[in-house]
Amino acid sequence: MNYKDVERALEILEPFRHGHSMRATREHEWYRVYSYDTEIARYSQIEDTWYVNLNKYSVTTSRQQNMVKRVIANLDHQAYELMSNYDYA
């Protein structure tokens, strides 16, 4: 799986695994995106809202965070929130 495949999976909220560094899961109403073991974004199907972790991490995680933000910006979802203080535990 390459980053274009990852972008397509993000667009349709499909679970995926990109090597050891990036993955997405679906848990109940949540679609969660991880870089390594850090949750970098989540989507609530109930709220139709994305939440993106804006904390600073490694170069790889930052690149993945930017990719997720770019995909979200290109989606038809009107509502998305970028939150740096969201509880990602």
PDB file of N, CA and C in Angstrom:
ATOM      1  N   MET A   1       0.857  -1.177   0.000  1.00  0.00           N
ATOM      2  CA  MET A   1       0.000   0.000   0.000  1.00  0.00           C
ATOM      3  C   MET A   1       0.901   1.238   0.000  1.00  0.00           C
ATOM      4  N   ASN A   2       0.635   2.178  -0.912  1.00  0.00           N
ATOM      5  CA  ASN A   2       1.392   3.422  -0.955  1.00  0.00           C
ATOM      6  C   ASN A   2       0.527   4.566  -0.417  1.00  0.00           C
ATOM      7  N   TYR A   3       1.085   5.781  -0.390  1.00  0.00           N
ATOM      8  CA  TYR A   3       0.349   6.904   0.199  1.00  0.00           C
ATOM      9  C   TYR A   3      -0.891   7.280  -0.611  1.00  0.00           C
ATOM     10  N   LYS A   4      -0.890   7.051  -1.918  1.00  0.00           N
ATOM     11  CA  LYS A   4      -2.109   7.298  -2.707  1.00  0.00           C
ATOM     12  C   LYS A   4      -3.219   6.345  -2.270  1.00  0.00           C
ATOM     13  N   ASP A   5      -2.858   5.092  -2.006  1.00  0.00           N
ATOM     14  CA  ASP A   5      -3.840   4.125  -1.504  1.00  0.00           C
ATOM     15  C   ASP A   5      -4.358   4.554  -0.132  1.00  0.00           C
ATOM     16  N   VAL A   6      -3.467   5.077   0.702  1.00  0.00           N
ATOM     17  CA  VAL A   6      -3.861   5.566   2.022  1.00  0.00           C
ATOM     18  C   VAL A   6      -4.863   6.710   1.867  1.00  0.00           C
ATOM     19  N   GLU A   7      -4.583   7.651   0.980  1.00  0.00           N
ATOM     20  CA  GLU A   7      -5.497   8.768   0.757  1.00  0.00           C
ATOM     21  C   GLU A   7      -6.875   8.287   0.318  1.00  0.00           C
ATOM     22  N   ARG A   8      -6.902   7.311  -0.590  1.00  0.00           N
ATOM     23  CA  ARG A   8      -8.194   6.763  -1.039  1.00  0.00           C
ATOM     24  C   ARG A   8      -8.935   6.089   0.115  1.00  0.00           C
ATOM     25  N   ALA A   9      -8.209   5.351   0.957  1.00  0.00           N
ATOM     26  CA  ALA A   9      -8.829   4.695   2.114  1.00  0.00           C
ATOM     27  C   ALA A   9      -9.397   5.739   3.070  1.00  0.00           C
ATOM     28  N   LEU A  10      -8.652   6.809   3.302  1.00  0.00           N
ATOM     29  CA  LEU A  10      -9.144   7.879   4.176  1.00  0.00           C
ATOM     30  C   LEU A  10     -10.411   8.511   3.608  1.00  0.00           C
ATOM     31  N   GLU A  11     -10.453   8.715   2.315  1.00  0.00           N
ATOM     32  CA  GLU A  11     -11.614   9.343   1.680  1.00  0.00           C
ATOM     33  C   GLU A  11     -12.892   8.537   1.886  1.00  0.00           C
ATOM     34  N   ILE A  12     -12.761   7.217   1.879  1.00  0.00           N
ATOM     35  CA  ILE A  12     -13.958   6.375   2.001  1.00  0.00           C
ATOM     36  C   ILE A  12     -14.067   5.719   3.383  1.00  0.00           C
ATOM     37  N   LEU A  13     -13.228   6.180   4.310  1.00  0.00           N
ATOM     38  CA  LEU A  13     -13.260   5.693   5.695  1.00  0.00           C
ATOM     39  C   LEU A  13     -13.044   4.185   5.785  1.00  0.00           C
ATOM     40  N   GLU A  14     -12.104   3.694   5.015  1.00  0.00           N
ATOM     41  CA  GLU A  14     -11.807   2.269   4.973  1.00  0.00           C
ATOM     42  C   GLU A  14     -10.620   1.954   5.895  1.00  0.00           C
ATOM     43  N   PRO A  15     -10.732   0.945   6.724  1.00  0.00           N
ATOM     44  CA  PRO A  15      -9.582   0.547   7.549  1.00  0.00           C
ATOM     45  C   PRO A  15      -8.409   0.146   6.653  1.00  0.00           C
ATOM     46  N   PHE A  16      -7.194   0.420   7.107  1.00  0.00           N
ATOM     47  CA  PHE A  16      -6.003   0.070   6.335  1.00  0.00           C
ATOM     48  C   PHE A  16      -4.804  -0.053   7.266  1.00  0.00           C
ATOM     49  N   ARG A  17      -3.722  -0.589   6.704  1.00  0.00           N
ATOM     50  CA  ARG A  17      -2.426  -0.632   7.385  1.00  0.00           C
ATOM     51  C   ARG A  17      -1.377  -0.278   6.341  1.00  0.00           C
ATOM     52  N   HIS A  18      -0.564   0.726   6.656  1.00  0.00           N
ATOM     53  CA  HIS A  18       0.533   1.155   5.782  1.00  0.00           C
ATOM     54  C   HIS A  18       1.836   0.846   6.504  1.00  0.00           C
ATOM     55  N   GLY A  19       2.368  -0.322   6.249  1.00  0.00           N
ATOM     56  CA  GLY A  19       3.578  -0.760   6.938  1.00  0.00           C
ATOM     57  C   GLY A  19       3.369  -0.757   8.445  1.00  0.00           C
ATOM     58  N   HIS A  20       4.379  -0.315   9.173  1.00  0.00           N
ATOM     59  CA  HIS A  20       4.281  -0.235  10.627  1.00  0.00           C
ATOM     60  C   HIS A  20       3.965   1.171  11.101  1.00  0.00           C
ATOM     61  N   SER A  21       3.953   2.128  10.176  1.00  0.00           N
ATOM     62  CA  SER A  21       3.863   3.520  10.613  1.00  0.00           C
ATOM     63  C   SER A  21       2.454   4.103  10.620  1.00  0.00           C
ATOM     64  N   MET A  22       1.545   3.572   9.826  1.00  0.00           N
ATOM     65  CA  MET A  22       0.227   4.218   9.744  1.00  0.00           C
ATOM     66  C   MET A  22      -0.870   3.173   9.566  1.00  0.00           C
ATOM     67  N   ARG A  23      -1.993   3.418  10.235  1.00  0.00           N
ATOM     68  CA  ARG A  23      -3.132   2.501  10.107  1.00  0.00           C
ATOM     69  C   ARG A  23      -4.411   3.252  10.453  1.00  0.00           C
ATOM     70  N   ALA A  24      -5.527   2.669  10.069  1.00  0.00           N
ATOM     71  CA  ALA A  24      -6.839   3.208  10.428  1.00  0.00           C
ATOM     72  C   ALA A  24      -7.740   2.050  10.806  1.00  0.00           C
ATOM     73  N   THR A  25      -8.585   2.297  11.796  1.00  0.00           N
ATOM     74  CA  THR A  25      -9.523   1.283  12.266  1.00  0.00           C
ATOM     75  C   THR A  25     -10.918   1.882  12.339  1.00  0.00           C
ATOM     76  N   ARG A  26     -11.887   1.010  12.389  1.00  0.00           N
ATOM     77  CA  ARG A  26     -13.265   1.443  12.587  1.00  0.00           C
ATOM     78  C   ARG A  26     -13.755   0.794  13.870  1.00  0.00           C
ATOM     79  N   GLU A  27     -14.177   1.624  14.822  1.00  0.00           N
ATOM     80  CA  GLU A  27     -14.655   1.142  16.119  1.00  0.00           C
ATOM     81  C   GLU A  27     -15.972   1.826  16.432  1.00  0.00           C
ATOM     82  N   HIS A  28     -17.037   1.093  16.361  1.00  0.00           N
ATOM     83  CA  HIS A  28     -18.375   1.630  16.596  1.00  0.00           C
ATOM     84  C   HIS A  28     -18.613   2.794  15.640  1.00  0.00           C
ATOM     85  N   GLU A  29     -18.913   3.976  16.155  1.00  0.00           N
ATOM     86  CA  GLU A  29     -19.172   5.104  15.253  1.00  0.00           C
ATOM     87  C   GLU A  29     -17.892   5.852  14.880  1.00  0.00           C
ATOM     88  N   TRP A  30     -16.744   5.418  15.381  1.00  0.00           N
ATOM     89  CA  TRP A  30     -15.484   6.128  15.169  1.00  0.00           C
ATOM     90  C   TRP A  30     -14.620   5.464  14.108  1.00  0.00           C
ATOM     91  N   TYR A  31     -14.059   6.287  13.241  1.00  0.00           N
ATOM     92  CA  TYR A  31     -13.005   5.885  12.319  1.00  0.00           C
ATOM     93  C   TYR A  31     -11.749   6.560  12.854  1.00  0.00           C
ATOM     94  N   ARG A  32     -10.727   5.786  13.211  1.00  0.00           N
ATOM     95  CA  ARG A  32      -9.539   6.331  13.879  1.00  0.00           C
ATOM     96  C   ARG A  32      -8.296   6.108  13.017  1.00  0.00           C
ATOM     97  N   VAL A  33      -7.462   7.130  12.953  1.00  0.00           N
ATOM     98  CA  VAL A  33      -6.235   7.082  12.162  1.00  0.00           C
ATOM     99  C   VAL A  33      -5.044   7.209  13.115  1.00  0.00           C
ATOM    100  N   TYR A  34      -4.081   6.313  12.968  1.00  0.00           N
ATOM    101  CA  TYR A  34      -2.919   6.272  13.847  1.00  0.00           C
ATOM    102  C   TYR A  34      -1.626   6.419  13.049  1.00  0.00           C
ATOM    103  N   SER A  35      -0.668   7.114  13.644  1.00  0.00           N
ATOM    104  CA  SER A  35       0.705   7.116  13.175  1.00  0.00           C
ATOM    105  C   SER A  35       1.496   6.419  14.266  1.00  0.00           C
ATOM    106  N   TYR A  36       2.095   5.296  13.911  1.00  0.00           N
ATOM    107  CA  TYR A  36       2.671   4.404  14.909  1.00  0.00           C
ATOM    108  C   TYR A  36       1.567   4.092  15.923  1.00  0.00           C
ATOM    109  N   ASP A  37       1.699   4.401  17.188  1.00  0.00           N
ATOM    110  CA  ASP A  37       0.632   4.126  18.154  1.00  0.00           C
ATOM    111  C   ASP A  37      -0.066   5.394  18.624  1.00  0.00           C
ATOM    112  N   THR A  38       0.164   6.500  17.935  1.00  0.00           N
ATOM    113  CA  THR A  38      -0.448   7.776  18.297  1.00  0.00           C
ATOM    114  C   THR A  38      -1.658   8.044  17.421  1.00  0.00           C
ATOM    115  N   GLU A  39      -2.792   8.299  18.040  1.00  0.00           N
ATOM    116  CA  GLU A  39      -3.986   8.637  17.269  1.00  0.00           C
ATOM    117  C   GLU A  39      -3.821  10.059  16.734  1.00  0.00           C
ATOM    118  N   ILE A  40      -3.830  10.199  15.407  1.00  0.00           N
ATOM    119  CA  ILE A  40      -3.627  11.515  14.805  1.00  0.00           C
ATOM    120  C   ILE A  40      -4.925  12.114  14.270  1.00  0.00           C
ATOM    121  N   ALA A  41      -5.963  11.306  14.151  1.00  0.00           N
ATOM    122  CA  ALA A  41      -7.251  11.830  13.693  1.00  0.00           C
ATOM    123  C   ALA A  41      -8.340  10.820  14.002  1.00  0.00           C
ATOM    124  N   ARG A  42      -9.558  11.353  14.110  1.00  0.00           N
ATOM    125  CA  ARG A  42     -10.717  10.474  14.239  1.00  0.00           C
ATOM    126  C   ARG A  42     -11.912  11.154  13.584  1.00  0.00           C
ATOM    127  N   TYR A  43     -12.807  10.318  13.086  1.00  0.00           N
ATOM    128  CA  TYR A  43     -14.013  10.805  12.428  1.00  0.00           C
ATOM    129  C   TYR A  43     -15.210  10.211  13.143  1.00  0.00           C
ATOM    130  N   SER A  44     -16.152  11.055  13.510  1.00  0.00           N
ATOM    131  CA  SER A  44     -17.389  10.604  14.127  1.00  0.00           C
ATOM    132  C   SER A  44     -18.466  10.523  13.064  1.00  0.00           C
ATOM    133  N   GLN A  45     -18.959   9.312  12.815  1.00  0.00           N
ATOM    134  CA  GLN A  45     -20.043   9.158  11.844  1.00  0.00           C
ATOM    135  C   GLN A  45     -21.325   9.799  12.348  1.00  0.00           C
ATOM    136  N   ILE A  46     -21.536   9.792  13.645  1.00  0.00           N
ATOM    137  CA  ILE A  46     -22.745  10.384  14.218  1.00  0.00           C
ATOM    138  C   ILE A  46     -22.740  11.895  14.033  1.00  0.00           C
ATOM    139  N   GLU A  47     -21.590  12.523  14.297  1.00  0.00           N
ATOM    140  CA  GLU A  47     -21.485  13.980  14.196  1.00  0.00           C
ATOM    141  C   GLU A  47     -21.087  14.452  12.801  1.00  0.00           C
ATOM    142  N   ASP A  48     -20.649  13.524  11.944  1.00  0.00           N
ATOM    143  CA  ASP A  48     -20.109  13.862  10.623  1.00  0.00           C
ATOM    144  C   ASP A  48     -18.999  14.903  10.780  1.00  0.00           C
ATOM    145  N   THR A  49     -18.089  14.612  11.720  1.00  0.00           N
ATOM    146  CA  THR A  49     -17.040  15.569  12.065  1.00  0.00           C
ATOM    147  C   THR A  49     -15.705  14.864  12.215  1.00  0.00           C
ATOM    148  N   TRP A  50     -14.664  15.473  11.666  1.00  0.00           N
ATOM    149  CA  TRP A  50     -13.292  15.020  11.851  1.00  0.00           C
ATOM    150  C   TRP A  50     -12.673  15.774  13.007  1.00  0.00           C
ATOM    151  N   TYR A  51     -11.859  15.091  13.788  1.00  0.00           N
ATOM    152  CA  TYR A  51     -11.048  15.683  14.848  1.00  0.00           C
ATOM    153  C   TYR A  51      -9.598  15.315  14.546  1.00  0.00           C
ATOM    154  N   VAL A  52      -8.734  16.300  14.463  1.00  0.00           N
ATOM    155  CA  VAL A  52      -7.345  16.063  14.098  1.00  0.00           C
ATOM    156  C   VAL A  52      -6.425  16.508  15.221  1.00  0.00           C
ATOM    157  N   ASN A  53      -5.533  15.629  15.611  1.00  0.00           N
ATOM    158  CA  ASN A  53      -4.546  15.906  16.636  1.00  0.00           C
ATOM    159  C   ASN A  53      -3.473  16.813  16.031  1.00  0.00           C
ATOM    160  N   LEU A  54      -3.340  18.030  16.544  1.00  0.00           N
ATOM    161  CA  LEU A  54      -2.381  18.993  16.009  1.00  0.00           C
ATOM    162  C   LEU A  54      -1.086  19.068  16.813  1.00  0.00           C
ATOM    163  N   ASN A  55      -0.919  18.189  17.789  1.00  0.00           N
ATOM    164  CA  ASN A  55       0.336  18.165  18.531  1.00  0.00           C
ATOM    165  C   ASN A  55       1.486  17.856  17.584  1.00  0.00           C
ATOM    166  N   LYS A  56       2.673  18.314  17.918  1.00  0.00           N
ATOM    167  CA  LYS A  56       3.858  18.108  17.079  1.00  0.00           C
ATOM    168  C   LYS A  56       4.537  16.794  17.441  1.00  0.00           C
ATOM    169  N   TYR A  57       4.904  16.041  16.397  1.00  0.00           N
ATOM    170  CA  TYR A  57       5.559  14.756  16.578  1.00  0.00           C
ATOM    171  C   TYR A  57       6.744  14.653  15.619  1.00  0.00           C
ATOM    172  N   SER A  58       7.131  13.457  15.268  1.00  0.00           N
ATOM    173  CA  SER A  58       8.267  13.222  14.383  1.00  0.00           C
ATOM    174  C   SER A  58       7.975  13.716  12.963  1.00  0.00           C
ATOM    175  N   VAL A  59       9.000  13.722  12.131  1.00  0.00           N
ATOM    176  CA  VAL A  59       8.845  14.133  10.738  1.00  0.00           C
ATOM    177  C   VAL A  59       7.824  13.240  10.028  1.00  0.00           C
ATOM    178  N   THR A  60       7.915  11.940  10.245  1.00  0.00           N
ATOM    179  CA  THR A  60       6.987  11.004   9.593  1.00  0.00           C
ATOM    180  C   THR A  60       5.555  11.253  10.041  1.00  0.00           C
ATOM    181  N   THR A  61       5.344  11.381  11.336  1.00  0.00           N
ATOM    182  CA  THR A  61       3.989  11.620  11.840  1.00  0.00           C
ATOM    183  C   THR A  61       3.467  12.964  11.357  1.00  0.00           C
ATOM    184  N   SER A  62       4.296  13.979  11.328  1.00  0.00           N
ATOM    185  CA  SER A  62       3.872  15.288  10.824  1.00  0.00           C
ATOM    186  C   SER A  62       3.454  15.196   9.362  1.00  0.00           C
ATOM    187  N   ARG A  63       4.206  14.453   8.561  1.00  0.00           N
ATOM    188  CA  ARG A  63       3.847  14.263   7.144  1.00  0.00           C
ATOM    189  C   ARG A  63       2.487  13.558   7.042  1.00  0.00           C
ATOM    190  N   GLN A  64       2.273  12.564   7.889  1.00  0.00           N
ATOM    191  CA  GLN A  64       1.000  11.840   7.857  1.00  0.00           C
ATOM    192  C   GLN A  64      -0.145  12.723   8.345  1.00  0.00           C
ATOM    193  N   GLN A  65       0.096  13.539   9.364  1.00  0.00           N
ATOM    194  CA  GLN A  65      -0.933  14.480   9.828  1.00  0.00           C
ATOM    195  C   GLN A  65      -1.315  15.443   8.701  1.00  0.00           C
ATOM    196  N   ASN A  66      -0.335  15.954   7.988  1.00  0.00           N
ATOM    197  CA  ASN A  66      -0.609  16.880   6.888  1.00  0.00           C
ATOM    198  C   ASN A  66      -1.385  16.207   5.773  1.00  0.00           C
ATOM    199  N   MET A  67      -1.079  14.953   5.495  1.00  0.00           N
ATOM    200  CA  MET A  67      -1.816  14.223   4.477  1.00  0.00           C
ATOM    201  C   MET A  67      -3.279  14.071   4.894  1.00  0.00           C
ATOM    202  N   VAL A  68      -3.510  13.700   6.151  1.00  0.00           N
ATOM    203  CA  VAL A  68      -4.880  13.545   6.648  1.00  0.00           C
ATOM    204  C   VAL A  68      -5.626  14.877   6.541  1.00  0.00           C
ATOM    205  N   LYS A  69      -5.002  15.973   6.947  1.00  0.00           N
ATOM    206  CA  LYS A  69      -5.649  17.290   6.861  1.00  0.00           C
ATOM    207  C   LYS A  69      -5.967  17.655   5.413  1.00  0.00           C
ATOM    208  N   ARG A  70      -5.060  17.311   4.492  1.00  0.00           N
ATOM    209  CA  ARG A  70      -5.293  17.595   3.074  1.00  0.00           C
ATOM    210  C   ARG A  70      -6.485  16.797   2.546  1.00  0.00           C
ATOM    211  N   VAL A  71      -6.559  15.519   2.912  1.00  0.00           N
ATOM    212  CA  VAL A  71      -7.681  14.678   2.475  1.00  0.00           C
ATOM    213  C   VAL A  71      -8.990  15.228   3.029  1.00  0.00           C
ATOM    214  N   ILE A  72      -8.991  15.585   4.307  1.00  0.00           N
ATOM    215  CA  ILE A  72     -10.206  16.129   4.930  1.00  0.00           C
ATOM    216  C   ILE A  72     -10.645  17.399   4.214  1.00  0.00           C
ATOM    217  N   ALA A  73      -9.692  18.268   3.904  1.00  0.00           N
ATOM    218  CA  ALA A  73     -10.018  19.532   3.247  1.00  0.00           C
ATOM    219  C   ALA A  73     -10.643  19.307   1.878  1.00  0.00           C
ATOM    220  N   ASN A  74     -10.303  18.209   1.217  1.00  0.00           N
ATOM    221  CA  ASN A  74     -10.835  17.919  -0.117  1.00  0.00           C
ATOM    222  C   ASN A  74     -12.164  17.170  -0.095  1.00  0.00           C
ATOM    223  N   LEU A  75     -12.590  16.723   1.082  1.00  0.00           N
ATOM    224  CA  LEU A  75     -13.850  15.991   1.184  1.00  0.00           C
ATOM    225  C   LEU A  75     -15.040  16.942   1.133  1.00  0.00           C
ATOM    226  N   ASP A  76     -16.196  16.384   0.880  1.00  0.00           N
ATOM    227  CA  ASP A  76     -17.417  17.185   0.852  1.00  0.00           C
ATOM    228  C   ASP A  76     -17.930  17.510   2.241  1.00  0.00           C
ATOM    229  N   HIS A  77     -17.362  16.906   3.272  1.00  0.00           N
ATOM    230  CA  HIS A  77     -17.811  17.193   4.629  1.00  0.00           C
ATOM    231  C   HIS A  77     -17.588  18.666   4.924  1.00  0.00           C
ATOM    232  N   GLN A  78     -18.637  19.366   5.230  1.00  0.00           N
ATOM    233  CA  GLN A  78     -18.532  20.778   5.545  1.00  0.00           C
ATOM    234  C   GLN A  78     -17.911  20.990   6.912  1.00  0.00           C
ATOM    235  N   ALA A  79     -18.214  20.100   7.836  1.00  0.00           N
ATOM    236  CA  ALA A  79     -17.781  20.302   9.222  1.00  0.00           C
ATOM    237  C   ALA A  79     -16.583  19.423   9.538  1.00  0.00           C
ATOM    238  N   TYR A  80     -15.516  20.059   9.902  1.00  0.00           N
ATOM    239  CA  TYR A  80     -14.410  19.339  10.505  1.00  0.00           C
ATOM    240  C   TYR A  80     -13.713  20.280  11.455  1.00  0.00           C
ATOM    241  N   GLU A  81     -13.158  19.728  12.487  1.00  0.00           N
ATOM    242  CA  GLU A  81     -12.533  20.543  13.518  1.00  0.00           C
ATOM    243  C   GLU A  81     -11.102  20.091  13.716  1.00  0.00           C
ATOM    244  N   LEU A  82     -10.207  21.046  13.809  1.00  0.00           N
ATOM    245  CA  LEU A  82      -8.813  20.750  14.105  1.00  0.00           C
ATOM    246  C   LEU A  82      -8.586  21.144  15.551  1.00  0.00           C
ATOM    247  N   MET A  83      -8.287  20.175  16.377  1.00  0.00           N
ATOM    248  CA  MET A  83      -8.211  20.425  17.803  1.00  0.00           C
ATOM    249  C   MET A  83      -6.876  19.949  18.347  1.00  0.00           C
ATOM    250  N   SER A  84      -6.165  20.837  19.015  1.00  0.00           N
ATOM    251  CA  SER A  84      -4.870  20.451  19.565  1.00  0.00           C
ATOM    252  C   SER A  84      -5.006  19.888  20.969  1.00  0.00           C
ATOM    253  N   ASN A  85      -6.090  20.190  21.665  1.00  0.00           N
ATOM    254  CA  ASN A  85      -6.235  19.739  23.049  1.00  0.00           C
ATOM    255  C   ASN A  85      -7.227  18.594  23.197  1.00  0.00           C
ATOM    256  N   TYR A  86      -7.565  17.954  22.116  1.00  0.00           N
ATOM    257  CA  TYR A  86      -8.503  16.838  22.172  1.00  0.00           C
ATOM    258  C   TYR A  86      -7.857  15.672  22.922  1.00  0.00           C
ATOM    259  N   ASP A  87      -8.639  14.934  23.633  1.00  0.00           N
ATOM    260  CA  ASP A  87      -8.122  13.799  24.402  1.00  0.00           C
ATOM    261  C   ASP A  87      -7.884  12.624  23.461  1.00  0.00           C
ATOM    262  N   TYR A  88      -6.639  12.340  23.166  1.00  0.00           N
ATOM    263  CA  TYR A  88      -6.296  11.242  22.276  1.00  0.00           C
ATOM    264  C   TYR A  88      -5.798  10.014  23.025  1.00  0.00           C
ATOM    265  N   ALA A  89      -6.032   9.952  24.309  1.00  0.00           N
ATOM    266  CA  ALA A  89      -5.560   8.803  25.081  1.00  0.00           C
ATOM    267  C   ALA A  89      -6.393   7.579  24.791  1.00  0.00           C
TER     268      ALA A  89
END
